[in-house]
């Protein structure tokens, strides 16, 4: 992917969650993507917040292979692409009554949808495969995240990891020159003396 990979993955995940909200039958359900204390999050059914971006340690020194749009070559190899792990907090919104029970059902639909299809693929994510995994959060980690929003009241939340998300170099790799003629043995032939 290119420099907009983080935004593309976030939007693709948001689209999947919006489909789950719609399937839940919750009236006028909506997803807000952004900080929990943003004024736009006030009427949202679910809130998706990207709270951490980290390099993927296992892929960090590997190469990123992507299909070429115009073969040959059929595969483009990026030696210095940046593989990332994106950590999201998925939170129920603020119900007007203050009771979050109706929204917990919607959260269940969202979890079900992400578990049923745990990979983002195709054009929305640049033909890549990004795996979505439910991440366990300790009470301490949850408290640290919610401490970022002192004006927001705590609500039921789960965390998801999206990985790998590749940031490829701005310039494509320079392809090797095509070998037109093999000249390796020129000048290397020696005559063997005859006795």
N, C-alpha and C. Protein backbone atom coordinates (compact mmCIF):
# COMPACT_ATOMS: atom_id res chain seq x y z
N UNK A 1 0.85 -1.18 0.00
CA UNK A 1 0.00 0.00 0.00
C UNK A 1 0.89 1.24 0.00
N UNK A 2 0.28 2.35 -0.15
CA UNK A 2 1.06 3.58 -0.15
C UNK A 2 0.85 4.34 1.15
N UNK A 3 1.15 5.61 1.14
CA UNK A 3 1.12 6.41 2.37
C UNK A 3 -0.26 6.51 2.99
N UNK A 4 -1.33 6.27 2.23
CA UNK A 4 -2.67 6.37 2.80
C UNK A 4 -3.19 5.03 3.33
N UNK A 5 -2.29 4.08 3.56
CA UNK A 5 -2.69 2.73 4.01
C UNK A 5 -3.43 2.77 5.35
N UNK A 6 -3.01 3.60 6.27
CA UNK A 6 -3.66 3.66 7.59
C UNK A 6 -5.10 4.13 7.43
N UNK A 7 -5.30 5.16 6.63
CA UNK A 7 -6.65 5.68 6.39
C UNK A 7 -7.51 4.65 5.67
N UNK A 8 -6.94 3.95 4.68
CA UNK A 8 -7.70 2.95 3.92
C UNK A 8 -8.16 1.80 4.80
N UNK A 9 -7.27 1.32 5.66
CA UNK A 9 -7.63 0.21 6.56
C UNK A 9 -8.69 0.67 7.55
N UNK A 10 -8.55 1.87 8.08
CA UNK A 10 -9.52 2.40 9.04
C UNK A 10 -10.90 2.52 8.38
N UNK A 11 -10.95 3.03 7.16
CA UNK A 11 -12.22 3.17 6.45
C UNK A 11 -12.83 1.81 6.12
N UNK A 12 -12.01 0.84 5.73
CA UNK A 12 -12.52 -0.50 5.41
C UNK A 12 -13.08 -1.17 6.66
N UNK A 13 -12.39 -1.01 7.77
CA UNK A 13 -12.89 -1.57 9.03
C UNK A 13 -14.18 -0.85 9.44
N UNK A 14 -14.23 0.45 9.25
CA UNK A 14 -15.43 1.22 9.55
C UNK A 14 -16.62 0.78 8.71
N UNK A 15 -16.39 0.49 7.43
CA UNK A 15 -17.47 0.02 6.56
C UNK A 15 -18.00 -1.33 7.03
N UNK A 16 -17.10 -2.21 7.45
CA UNK A 16 -17.52 -3.52 7.96
C UNK A 16 -18.36 -3.35 9.23
N UNK A 17 -17.95 -2.44 10.11
CA UNK A 17 -18.70 -2.20 11.35
C UNK A 17 -20.05 -1.55 11.08
N UNK A 18 -20.11 -0.65 10.11
CA UNK A 18 -21.39 -0.02 9.77
C UNK A 18 -22.37 -1.06 9.24
N UNK A 19 -21.89 -2.01 8.47
CA UNK A 19 -22.75 -3.10 7.98
C UNK A 19 -23.30 -3.90 9.16
N UNK A 20 -22.48 -4.14 10.17
CA UNK A 20 -22.92 -4.88 11.35
C UNK A 20 -23.98 -4.08 12.12
N UNK A 21 -23.78 -2.77 12.23
CA UNK A 21 -24.77 -1.92 12.91
C UNK A 21 -26.10 -1.98 12.16
N UNK A 22 -26.03 -1.88 10.83
CA UNK A 22 -27.25 -1.95 10.03
C UNK A 22 -27.95 -3.29 10.19
N UNK A 23 -27.18 -4.38 10.25
CA UNK A 23 -27.75 -5.72 10.41
C UNK A 23 -28.37 -5.93 11.78
N UNK A 24 -27.92 -5.15 12.76
CA UNK A 24 -28.43 -5.32 14.13
C UNK A 24 -29.88 -4.85 14.26
N UNK A 25 -30.32 -4.01 13.33
CA UNK A 25 -31.69 -3.49 13.41
C UNK A 25 -31.83 -2.33 14.39
N UNK A 26 -30.72 -1.86 14.95
CA UNK A 26 -30.78 -0.73 15.88
C UNK A 26 -31.20 0.51 15.09
N UNK A 27 -32.23 1.21 15.53
CA UNK A 27 -32.74 2.35 14.74
C UNK A 27 -31.71 3.47 14.62
N UNK A 28 -31.48 3.88 13.40
CA UNK A 28 -30.57 4.99 13.08
C UNK A 28 -29.19 4.81 13.69
N UNK A 29 -28.71 3.57 13.67
CA UNK A 29 -27.38 3.29 14.22
C UNK A 29 -26.29 3.85 13.33
N UNK A 30 -25.24 4.35 13.96
CA UNK A 30 -24.15 4.92 13.18
C UNK A 30 -22.81 4.64 13.87
N UNK A 31 -21.77 4.72 13.07
CA UNK A 31 -20.41 4.54 13.55
C UNK A 31 -19.69 5.87 13.44
N UNK A 32 -18.94 6.21 14.48
CA UNK A 32 -18.08 7.39 14.44
C UNK A 32 -16.65 6.92 14.49
N UNK A 33 -15.81 7.44 13.61
CA UNK A 33 -14.39 7.10 13.61
C UNK A 33 -13.63 8.32 14.12
N UNK A 34 -13.00 8.17 15.28
CA UNK A 34 -12.24 9.27 15.85
C UNK A 34 -12.21 9.20 17.36
N UNK A 35 -11.74 10.26 18.00
CA UNK A 35 -11.60 10.28 19.46
C UNK A 35 -12.95 10.16 20.18
N UNK A 36 -12.90 9.56 21.34
CA UNK A 36 -14.12 9.30 22.11
C UNK A 36 -14.79 10.58 22.60
N UNK A 37 -14.02 11.64 22.79
CA UNK A 37 -14.59 12.88 23.31
C UNK A 37 -14.89 13.90 22.21
N UNK A 38 -14.80 13.51 20.97
CA UNK A 38 -15.11 14.40 19.86
C UNK A 38 -16.61 14.70 19.87
N UNK A 39 -17.02 15.95 19.63
CA UNK A 39 -18.45 16.26 19.60
C UNK A 39 -19.24 15.42 18.60
N UNK A 40 -18.61 15.01 17.52
CA UNK A 40 -19.27 14.18 16.52
C UNK A 40 -19.60 12.78 17.01
N UNK A 41 -18.95 12.34 18.08
CA UNK A 41 -19.18 11.00 18.62
C UNK A 41 -20.41 10.94 19.51
N UNK A 42 -20.99 12.09 19.82
CA UNK A 42 -22.08 12.15 20.80
C UNK A 42 -23.27 11.26 20.45
N UNK A 43 -23.70 11.21 19.21
CA UNK A 43 -24.88 10.42 18.88
C UNK A 43 -24.57 9.08 18.25
N UNK A 44 -23.30 8.67 18.22
CA UNK A 44 -22.91 7.43 17.55
C UNK A 44 -23.30 6.21 18.36
N UNK A 45 -23.61 5.13 17.66
CA UNK A 45 -23.91 3.85 18.29
C UNK A 45 -22.62 3.16 18.72
N UNK A 46 -21.63 3.16 17.83
CA UNK A 46 -20.30 2.62 18.12
C UNK A 46 -19.26 3.65 17.73
N UNK A 47 -18.12 3.60 18.41
CA UNK A 47 -17.02 4.52 18.13
C UNK A 47 -15.77 3.68 17.89
N UNK A 48 -15.07 3.97 16.80
CA UNK A 48 -13.82 3.30 16.46
C UNK A 48 -12.69 4.32 16.57
N UNK A 49 -11.73 4.02 17.43
CA UNK A 49 -10.64 4.97 17.68
C UNK A 49 -9.30 4.26 17.52
N UNK A 50 -8.45 4.77 16.64
CA UNK A 50 -7.09 4.25 16.46
C UNK A 50 -6.23 4.84 17.57
N UNK A 51 -5.84 4.00 18.52
CA UNK A 51 -5.11 4.53 19.67
C UNK A 51 -3.62 4.23 19.68
N UNK A 52 -3.17 3.33 18.79
CA UNK A 52 -1.74 3.01 18.79
C UNK A 52 -1.32 2.49 17.43
N UNK A 53 -0.14 2.91 17.00
CA UNK A 53 0.49 2.42 15.77
C UNK A 53 1.89 1.95 16.15
N UNK A 54 2.22 0.70 15.78
CA UNK A 54 3.53 0.16 16.14
C UNK A 54 4.10 -0.60 14.94
N UNK A 55 5.44 -0.64 14.83
CA UNK A 55 6.02 -1.45 13.76
C UNK A 55 5.78 -2.93 14.05
N UNK A 56 5.56 -3.71 13.01
CA UNK A 56 5.38 -5.15 13.17
C UNK A 56 6.76 -5.78 13.26
N UNK A 57 7.11 -6.29 14.43
CA UNK A 57 8.47 -6.79 14.69
C UNK A 57 8.83 -7.98 13.81
N UNK A 58 7.90 -8.87 13.55
CA UNK A 58 8.25 -10.08 12.79
C UNK A 58 8.43 -9.81 11.29
N UNK A 59 7.86 -8.74 10.76
CA UNK A 59 7.99 -8.43 9.33
C UNK A 59 8.93 -7.27 9.05
N UNK A 60 9.46 -6.68 10.09
CA UNK A 60 10.21 -5.43 9.96
C UNK A 60 11.37 -5.49 8.97
N UNK A 61 12.11 -6.58 8.95
CA UNK A 61 13.27 -6.68 8.06
C UNK A 61 12.98 -7.51 6.82
N UNK A 62 11.71 -7.78 6.57
CA UNK A 62 11.33 -8.57 5.40
C UNK A 62 11.01 -7.68 4.21
N UNK A 63 10.78 -8.32 3.11
CA UNK A 63 10.41 -7.57 1.90
C UNK A 63 8.90 -7.65 1.72
N UNK A 64 8.36 -6.64 1.08
CA UNK A 64 6.93 -6.60 0.79
C UNK A 64 6.74 -6.85 -0.70
N UNK A 65 6.04 -7.92 -1.02
CA UNK A 65 5.80 -8.29 -2.41
C UNK A 65 4.37 -7.94 -2.77
N UNK A 66 4.21 -7.19 -3.85
CA UNK A 66 2.88 -6.80 -4.32
C UNK A 66 2.75 -7.10 -5.79
N UNK A 67 1.55 -7.50 -6.24
CA UNK A 67 1.37 -7.74 -7.67
C UNK A 67 1.53 -6.44 -8.46
N UNK A 68 2.14 -6.54 -9.59
CA UNK A 68 2.37 -5.37 -10.44
C UNK A 68 1.10 -5.04 -11.21
N UNK A 69 0.81 -3.76 -11.32
CA UNK A 69 -0.34 -3.33 -12.10
C UNK A 69 -0.07 -3.47 -13.59
N UNK A 70 1.19 -3.36 -13.99
CA UNK A 70 1.58 -3.46 -15.40
C UNK A 70 2.74 -4.43 -15.56
N UNK A 71 2.46 -5.75 -15.61
CA UNK A 71 3.56 -6.70 -15.77
C UNK A 71 4.23 -6.53 -17.13
N UNK A 72 5.45 -6.93 -17.35
CA UNK A 72 6.36 -7.47 -16.36
C UNK A 72 7.01 -6.37 -15.55
N UNK A 73 7.54 -6.62 -14.42
CA UNK A 73 7.51 -7.90 -13.71
C UNK A 73 6.12 -8.14 -13.12
N UNK A 74 5.83 -9.39 -12.83
CA UNK A 74 4.52 -9.72 -12.28
C UNK A 74 4.41 -9.34 -10.80
N UNK A 75 5.54 -9.24 -10.13
CA UNK A 75 5.57 -8.89 -8.70
C UNK A 75 6.58 -7.79 -8.49
N UNK A 76 6.19 -6.79 -7.70
CA UNK A 76 7.11 -5.71 -7.31
C UNK A 76 7.57 -6.02 -5.89
N UNK A 77 8.87 -5.93 -5.67
CA UNK A 77 9.44 -6.24 -4.36
C UNK A 77 9.96 -4.95 -3.74
N UNK A 78 9.41 -4.59 -2.57
CA UNK A 78 9.88 -3.42 -1.82
C UNK A 78 10.74 -3.93 -0.66
N UNK A 79 12.02 -3.58 -0.69
CA UNK A 79 12.92 -4.02 0.39
C UNK A 79 12.81 -3.15 1.63
N UNK A 80 12.37 -1.92 1.48
CA UNK A 80 12.35 -1.01 2.62
C UNK A 80 10.95 -0.50 2.95
N UNK A 81 9.95 -1.37 2.79
CA UNK A 81 8.57 -1.01 3.17
C UNK A 81 8.45 -1.11 4.69
N UNK A 82 7.50 -0.37 5.23
CA UNK A 82 7.30 -0.33 6.68
C UNK A 82 6.04 -1.10 7.05
N UNK A 83 6.17 -2.27 7.74
CA UNK A 83 4.99 -3.01 8.17
C UNK A 83 4.52 -2.51 9.53
N UNK A 84 3.23 -2.23 9.64
CA UNK A 84 2.68 -1.67 10.87
C UNK A 84 1.60 -2.56 11.47
N UNK A 85 1.43 -2.43 12.78
CA UNK A 85 0.29 -2.98 13.50
C UNK A 85 -0.54 -1.79 13.97
N UNK A 86 -1.85 -1.82 13.67
CA UNK A 86 -2.75 -0.75 14.09
C UNK A 86 -3.66 -1.29 15.20
N UNK A 87 -3.73 -0.56 16.30
CA UNK A 87 -4.55 -0.96 17.45
C UNK A 87 -5.75 -0.02 17.57
N UNK A 88 -6.93 -0.60 17.55
CA UNK A 88 -8.18 0.17 17.59
C UNK A 88 -8.95 -0.14 18.86
N UNK A 89 -9.63 0.86 19.38
CA UNK A 89 -10.58 0.69 20.48
C UNK A 89 -11.97 0.81 19.88
N UNK A 90 -12.79 -0.20 20.10
CA UNK A 90 -14.18 -0.19 19.65
C UNK A 90 -15.05 -0.05 20.88
N UNK A 91 -15.81 1.03 20.94
CA UNK A 91 -16.57 1.40 22.14
C UNK A 91 -18.03 1.62 21.81
N UNK A 92 -18.89 1.26 22.76
CA UNK A 92 -20.32 1.59 22.58
C UNK A 92 -20.48 3.09 22.79
N UNK A 93 -21.45 3.65 22.09
CA UNK A 93 -21.70 5.09 22.19
C UNK A 93 -22.44 5.44 23.47
N UNK A 94 -22.81 6.68 23.56
CA UNK A 94 -23.56 7.18 24.71
C UNK A 94 -25.04 7.10 24.41
N UNK A 95 -25.75 6.18 25.04
CA UNK A 95 -27.19 6.07 24.82
C UNK A 95 -27.89 7.24 25.49
N UNK A 96 -28.91 7.84 24.87
CA UNK A 96 -29.58 9.01 25.46
C UNK A 96 -30.10 8.76 26.87
N UNK A 97 -30.49 7.51 27.16
CA UNK A 97 -31.03 7.22 28.48
C UNK A 97 -29.93 7.02 29.52
N UNK A 98 -28.68 6.92 29.06
CA UNK A 98 -27.58 6.64 29.98
C UNK A 98 -27.39 5.14 30.19
N UNK A 99 -28.32 4.34 29.69
CA UNK A 99 -28.25 2.88 29.81
C UNK A 99 -27.59 2.34 28.55
N UNK A 100 -26.48 1.66 28.69
CA UNK A 100 -25.79 1.16 27.51
C UNK A 100 -26.25 -0.22 27.08
N UNK A 101 -27.19 -0.84 27.79
CA UNK A 101 -27.66 -2.19 27.45
C UNK A 101 -28.12 -2.32 26.00
N UNK A 102 -28.92 -1.38 25.46
CA UNK A 102 -29.33 -1.54 24.06
C UNK A 102 -28.14 -1.55 23.10
N UNK A 103 -27.08 -0.84 23.44
CA UNK A 103 -25.92 -0.75 22.56
C UNK A 103 -25.03 -1.98 22.68
N UNK A 104 -25.13 -2.72 23.77
CA UNK A 104 -24.32 -3.92 23.93
C UNK A 104 -24.72 -4.97 22.89
N UNK A 105 -26.01 -5.00 22.54
CA UNK A 105 -26.45 -5.89 21.47
C UNK A 105 -25.81 -5.54 20.14
N UNK A 106 -25.68 -4.25 19.86
CA UNK A 106 -25.04 -3.79 18.62
C UNK A 106 -23.56 -4.16 18.65
N UNK A 107 -22.92 -4.01 19.80
CA UNK A 107 -21.51 -4.41 19.94
C UNK A 107 -21.38 -5.90 19.65
N UNK A 108 -22.33 -6.70 20.11
CA UNK A 108 -22.31 -8.13 19.83
C UNK A 108 -22.38 -8.42 18.33
N UNK A 109 -23.21 -7.68 17.60
CA UNK A 109 -23.29 -7.84 16.15
C UNK A 109 -21.95 -7.47 15.51
N UNK A 110 -21.32 -6.42 16.01
CA UNK A 110 -20.03 -6.00 15.47
C UNK A 110 -18.96 -7.06 15.70
N UNK A 111 -18.91 -7.61 16.90
CA UNK A 111 -17.93 -8.67 17.20
C UNK A 111 -18.19 -9.89 16.32
N UNK A 112 -19.46 -10.23 16.15
CA UNK A 112 -19.83 -11.37 15.32
C UNK A 112 -19.38 -11.16 13.87
N UNK A 113 -19.59 -9.96 13.34
CA UNK A 113 -19.21 -9.67 11.96
C UNK A 113 -17.70 -9.72 11.77
N UNK A 114 -16.94 -9.19 12.72
CA UNK A 114 -15.48 -9.18 12.60
C UNK A 114 -14.91 -10.59 12.78
N UNK A 115 -15.57 -11.41 13.59
CA UNK A 115 -15.11 -12.79 13.78
C UNK A 115 -15.43 -13.64 12.55
N UNK A 116 -16.58 -13.40 11.93
CA UNK A 116 -17.00 -14.18 10.76
C UNK A 116 -16.11 -13.90 9.55
N UNK A 117 -15.66 -12.68 9.40
CA UNK A 117 -14.80 -12.29 8.28
C UNK A 117 -13.64 -11.48 8.83
N UNK A 118 -12.61 -12.16 9.37
CA UNK A 118 -11.54 -11.44 10.07
C UNK A 118 -10.46 -10.83 9.19
N UNK A 119 -10.67 -10.83 7.87
CA UNK A 119 -9.66 -10.24 6.99
C UNK A 119 -10.28 -9.15 6.13
N UNK A 120 -9.54 -8.06 5.99
CA UNK A 120 -9.90 -7.00 5.05
C UNK A 120 -9.10 -7.27 3.78
N UNK A 121 -9.79 -7.37 2.64
CA UNK A 121 -9.11 -7.67 1.38
C UNK A 121 -9.72 -6.84 0.25
N UNK A 122 -9.09 -6.92 -0.90
CA UNK A 122 -9.64 -6.31 -2.10
C UNK A 122 -9.26 -4.85 -2.30
N UNK A 123 -9.98 -4.18 -3.20
CA UNK A 123 -9.66 -2.79 -3.54
C UNK A 123 -9.65 -1.81 -2.36
N UNK A 124 -10.56 -1.95 -1.36
CA UNK A 124 -10.51 -0.96 -0.27
C UNK A 124 -9.17 -0.90 0.46
N UNK A 125 -8.43 -2.02 0.47
CA UNK A 125 -7.13 -2.03 1.15
C UNK A 125 -6.00 -2.31 0.15
N UNK A 126 -6.18 -1.87 -1.09
CA UNK A 126 -5.12 -1.97 -2.09
C UNK A 126 -4.73 -3.40 -2.44
N UNK A 127 -5.70 -4.32 -2.47
CA UNK A 127 -5.47 -5.73 -2.80
C UNK A 127 -4.57 -6.45 -1.79
N UNK A 128 -4.40 -5.88 -0.63
CA UNK A 128 -3.62 -6.51 0.44
C UNK A 128 -4.54 -7.41 1.27
N UNK A 129 -3.97 -8.11 2.23
CA UNK A 129 -4.74 -8.88 3.20
C UNK A 129 -4.34 -8.36 4.58
N UNK A 130 -5.32 -7.78 5.28
CA UNK A 130 -5.08 -7.25 6.62
C UNK A 130 -5.97 -8.04 7.58
N UNK A 131 -5.35 -8.68 8.55
CA UNK A 131 -6.08 -9.53 9.50
C UNK A 131 -6.51 -8.71 10.70
N UNK A 132 -7.78 -8.91 11.12
CA UNK A 132 -8.34 -8.25 12.30
C UNK A 132 -8.42 -9.27 13.43
N UNK A 133 -7.82 -8.94 14.56
CA UNK A 133 -7.77 -9.86 15.69
C UNK A 133 -8.23 -9.15 16.95
N UNK A 134 -9.12 -9.80 17.69
CA UNK A 134 -9.55 -9.26 18.98
C UNK A 134 -8.37 -9.31 19.94
N UNK A 135 -8.02 -8.17 20.52
CA UNK A 135 -6.87 -8.06 21.41
C UNK A 135 -7.32 -7.98 22.86
N UNK A 136 -6.73 -8.78 23.73
CA UNK A 136 -7.09 -8.65 25.15
C UNK A 136 -6.50 -7.35 25.72
N UNK A 137 -7.29 -6.67 26.52
CA UNK A 137 -6.84 -5.44 27.19
C UNK A 137 -6.95 -5.66 28.69
N UNK A 138 -5.86 -5.41 29.40
CA UNK A 138 -5.92 -5.47 30.86
C UNK A 138 -6.65 -4.23 31.38
N UNK A 139 -7.04 -4.29 32.63
CA UNK A 139 -7.70 -3.13 33.24
C UNK A 139 -6.78 -1.92 33.23
N UNK A 140 -5.50 -2.16 33.45
CA UNK A 140 -4.53 -1.06 33.45
C UNK A 140 -4.41 -0.42 32.07
N UNK A 141 -4.33 -1.25 31.02
CA UNK A 141 -4.25 -0.70 29.65
C UNK A 141 -5.52 0.08 29.30
N UNK A 142 -6.66 -0.48 29.66
CA UNK A 142 -7.93 0.19 29.38
C UNK A 142 -7.98 1.54 30.09
N UNK A 143 -7.53 1.57 31.34
CA UNK A 143 -7.52 2.82 32.11
C UNK A 143 -6.62 3.86 31.47
N UNK A 144 -5.46 3.42 30.96
CA UNK A 144 -4.54 4.36 30.30
C UNK A 144 -5.16 4.97 29.05
N UNK A 145 -5.86 4.14 28.27
CA UNK A 145 -6.49 4.65 27.05
C UNK A 145 -7.59 5.65 27.41
N UNK A 146 -8.45 5.27 28.37
CA UNK A 146 -9.57 6.15 28.74
C UNK A 146 -9.08 7.42 29.43
N UNK A 147 -7.88 7.37 30.02
CA UNK A 147 -7.33 8.57 30.67
C UNK A 147 -7.01 9.65 29.64
N UNK A 148 -6.90 9.27 28.37
CA UNK A 148 -6.67 10.26 27.31
C UNK A 148 -7.88 11.17 27.13
N UNK A 149 -9.03 10.72 27.64
CA UNK A 149 -10.29 11.45 27.46
C UNK A 149 -10.93 11.72 28.82
N UNK A 150 -10.40 12.66 29.58
CA UNK A 150 -10.90 12.89 30.94
C UNK A 150 -12.35 13.35 31.00
N UNK A 151 -12.88 13.89 29.91
CA UNK A 151 -14.27 14.36 29.95
C UNK A 151 -15.27 13.28 29.52
N UNK A 152 -14.77 12.14 29.03
CA UNK A 152 -15.66 11.06 28.57
C UNK A 152 -15.84 10.03 29.68
N UNK A 153 -17.08 9.61 29.89
CA UNK A 153 -17.35 8.56 30.86
C UNK A 153 -16.99 7.22 30.25
N UNK A 154 -16.46 6.32 31.10
CA UNK A 154 -16.07 5.00 30.62
C UNK A 154 -17.30 4.24 30.12
N UNK A 155 -17.11 3.56 28.99
CA UNK A 155 -18.15 2.68 28.45
C UNK A 155 -17.49 1.38 28.01
N UNK A 156 -18.28 0.36 27.84
CA UNK A 156 -17.76 -0.94 27.45
C UNK A 156 -16.96 -0.83 26.16
N UNK A 157 -15.77 -1.43 26.17
CA UNK A 157 -14.84 -1.31 25.04
C UNK A 157 -14.12 -2.63 24.79
N UNK A 158 -13.73 -2.83 23.54
CA UNK A 158 -12.87 -3.94 23.16
C UNK A 158 -11.79 -3.39 22.24
N UNK A 159 -10.70 -4.12 22.12
CA UNK A 159 -9.59 -3.68 21.26
C UNK A 159 -9.40 -4.65 20.12
N UNK A 160 -9.01 -4.11 18.97
CA UNK A 160 -8.72 -4.91 17.79
C UNK A 160 -7.36 -4.53 17.23
N UNK A 161 -6.66 -5.53 16.72
CA UNK A 161 -5.38 -5.34 16.04
C UNK A 161 -5.60 -5.59 14.55
N UNK A 162 -5.16 -4.66 13.71
CA UNK A 162 -5.17 -4.82 12.26
C UNK A 162 -3.72 -4.94 11.81
N UNK A 163 -3.39 -6.09 11.17
CA UNK A 163 -2.00 -6.33 10.81
C UNK A 163 -1.90 -7.33 9.66
N UNK A 164 -0.89 -7.21 8.82
CA UNK A 164 0.04 -6.09 8.69
C UNK A 164 -0.55 -5.01 7.78
N UNK A 165 -0.16 -3.79 8.04
CA UNK A 165 -0.52 -2.65 7.21
C UNK A 165 0.80 -2.09 6.69
N UNK A 166 0.99 -2.19 5.39
CA UNK A 166 2.27 -1.83 4.78
C UNK A 166 2.27 -0.40 4.27
N UNK A 167 3.32 0.32 4.60
CA UNK A 167 3.59 1.63 4.01
C UNK A 167 4.79 1.42 3.07
N UNK A 168 4.51 1.45 1.78
CA UNK A 168 5.57 1.23 0.79
C UNK A 168 6.30 2.54 0.52
N UNK A 169 7.52 2.45 0.01
CA UNK A 169 8.27 3.66 -0.33
C UNK A 169 7.54 4.50 -1.38
N UNK A 170 7.80 5.80 -1.36
CA UNK A 170 7.15 6.70 -2.32
C UNK A 170 7.58 6.40 -3.75
N UNK A 171 8.84 6.00 -3.92
CA UNK A 171 9.36 5.69 -5.25
C UNK A 171 9.40 4.18 -5.42
N UNK A 172 8.88 3.65 -6.53
CA UNK A 172 8.96 2.20 -6.74
C UNK A 172 10.40 1.76 -6.91
N UNK A 173 10.68 0.50 -6.61
CA UNK A 173 12.06 0.03 -6.77
C UNK A 173 12.47 0.10 -8.25
N UNK A 174 13.73 0.37 -8.48
CA UNK A 174 14.26 0.43 -9.84
C UNK A 174 14.52 -1.00 -10.29
N UNK A 175 13.86 -1.41 -11.37
CA UNK A 175 14.06 -2.79 -11.81
C UNK A 175 15.47 -3.01 -12.34
N UNK A 176 15.94 -4.22 -12.17
CA UNK A 176 17.26 -4.57 -12.69
C UNK A 176 17.23 -4.55 -14.22
N UNK A 177 18.37 -4.23 -14.80
CA UNK A 177 18.45 -4.21 -16.25
C UNK A 177 18.31 -5.62 -16.80
N UNK A 178 17.69 -5.72 -17.93
CA UNK A 178 17.49 -7.01 -18.58
C UNK A 178 18.80 -7.44 -19.24
N UNK A 179 19.18 -8.70 -19.04
CA UNK A 179 20.39 -9.24 -19.65
C UNK A 179 20.06 -9.59 -21.10
N UNK A 180 20.75 -8.94 -22.00
CA UNK A 180 20.51 -9.19 -23.42
C UNK A 180 21.48 -10.22 -23.98
N UNK A 181 22.68 -10.28 -23.42
CA UNK A 181 23.69 -11.20 -23.92
C UNK A 181 24.58 -11.63 -22.76
N UNK A 182 24.91 -12.87 -22.74
CA UNK A 182 25.77 -13.40 -21.69
C UNK A 182 27.22 -13.27 -22.14
N UNK A 183 27.95 -12.37 -21.53
CA UNK A 183 29.36 -12.13 -21.89
C UNK A 183 30.30 -12.55 -20.77
N UNK A 184 29.85 -13.39 -19.87
CA UNK A 184 30.68 -13.74 -18.73
C UNK A 184 31.92 -14.54 -19.11
N UNK A 185 31.84 -15.36 -20.14
CA UNK A 185 32.98 -16.21 -20.44
C UNK A 185 33.91 -15.62 -21.50
N UNK A 186 33.62 -14.43 -22.00
CA UNK A 186 34.48 -13.79 -22.99
C UNK A 186 35.82 -13.46 -22.35
N UNK A 187 36.90 -13.86 -22.97
CA UNK A 187 38.23 -13.57 -22.46
C UNK A 187 38.66 -14.54 -21.37
N UNK A 188 37.79 -15.42 -20.98
CA UNK A 188 38.12 -16.36 -19.91
C UNK A 188 38.58 -17.70 -20.48
N UNK A 189 38.37 -17.92 -21.78
CA UNK A 189 38.75 -19.19 -22.37
C UNK A 189 40.26 -19.25 -22.52
N UNK A 190 40.80 -20.33 -22.14
CA UNK A 190 42.24 -20.52 -22.28
C UNK A 190 42.49 -21.77 -23.11
N UNK A 191 43.52 -21.70 -23.77
CA UNK A 191 43.87 -22.90 -24.55
C UNK A 191 44.67 -23.83 -23.66
N UNK A 192 44.40 -25.06 -23.81
CA UNK A 192 45.10 -26.06 -23.02
C UNK A 192 46.27 -26.56 -23.86
N UNK A 193 47.48 -26.45 -23.30
CA UNK A 193 48.64 -26.91 -24.09
C UNK A 193 48.56 -28.42 -24.35
N UNK A 194 48.96 -28.78 -25.52
CA UNK A 194 48.98 -30.20 -25.92
C UNK A 194 50.40 -30.70 -25.80
N UNK A 195 50.61 -31.84 -25.16
CA UNK A 195 51.95 -32.42 -24.98
C UNK A 195 52.43 -33.13 -26.19
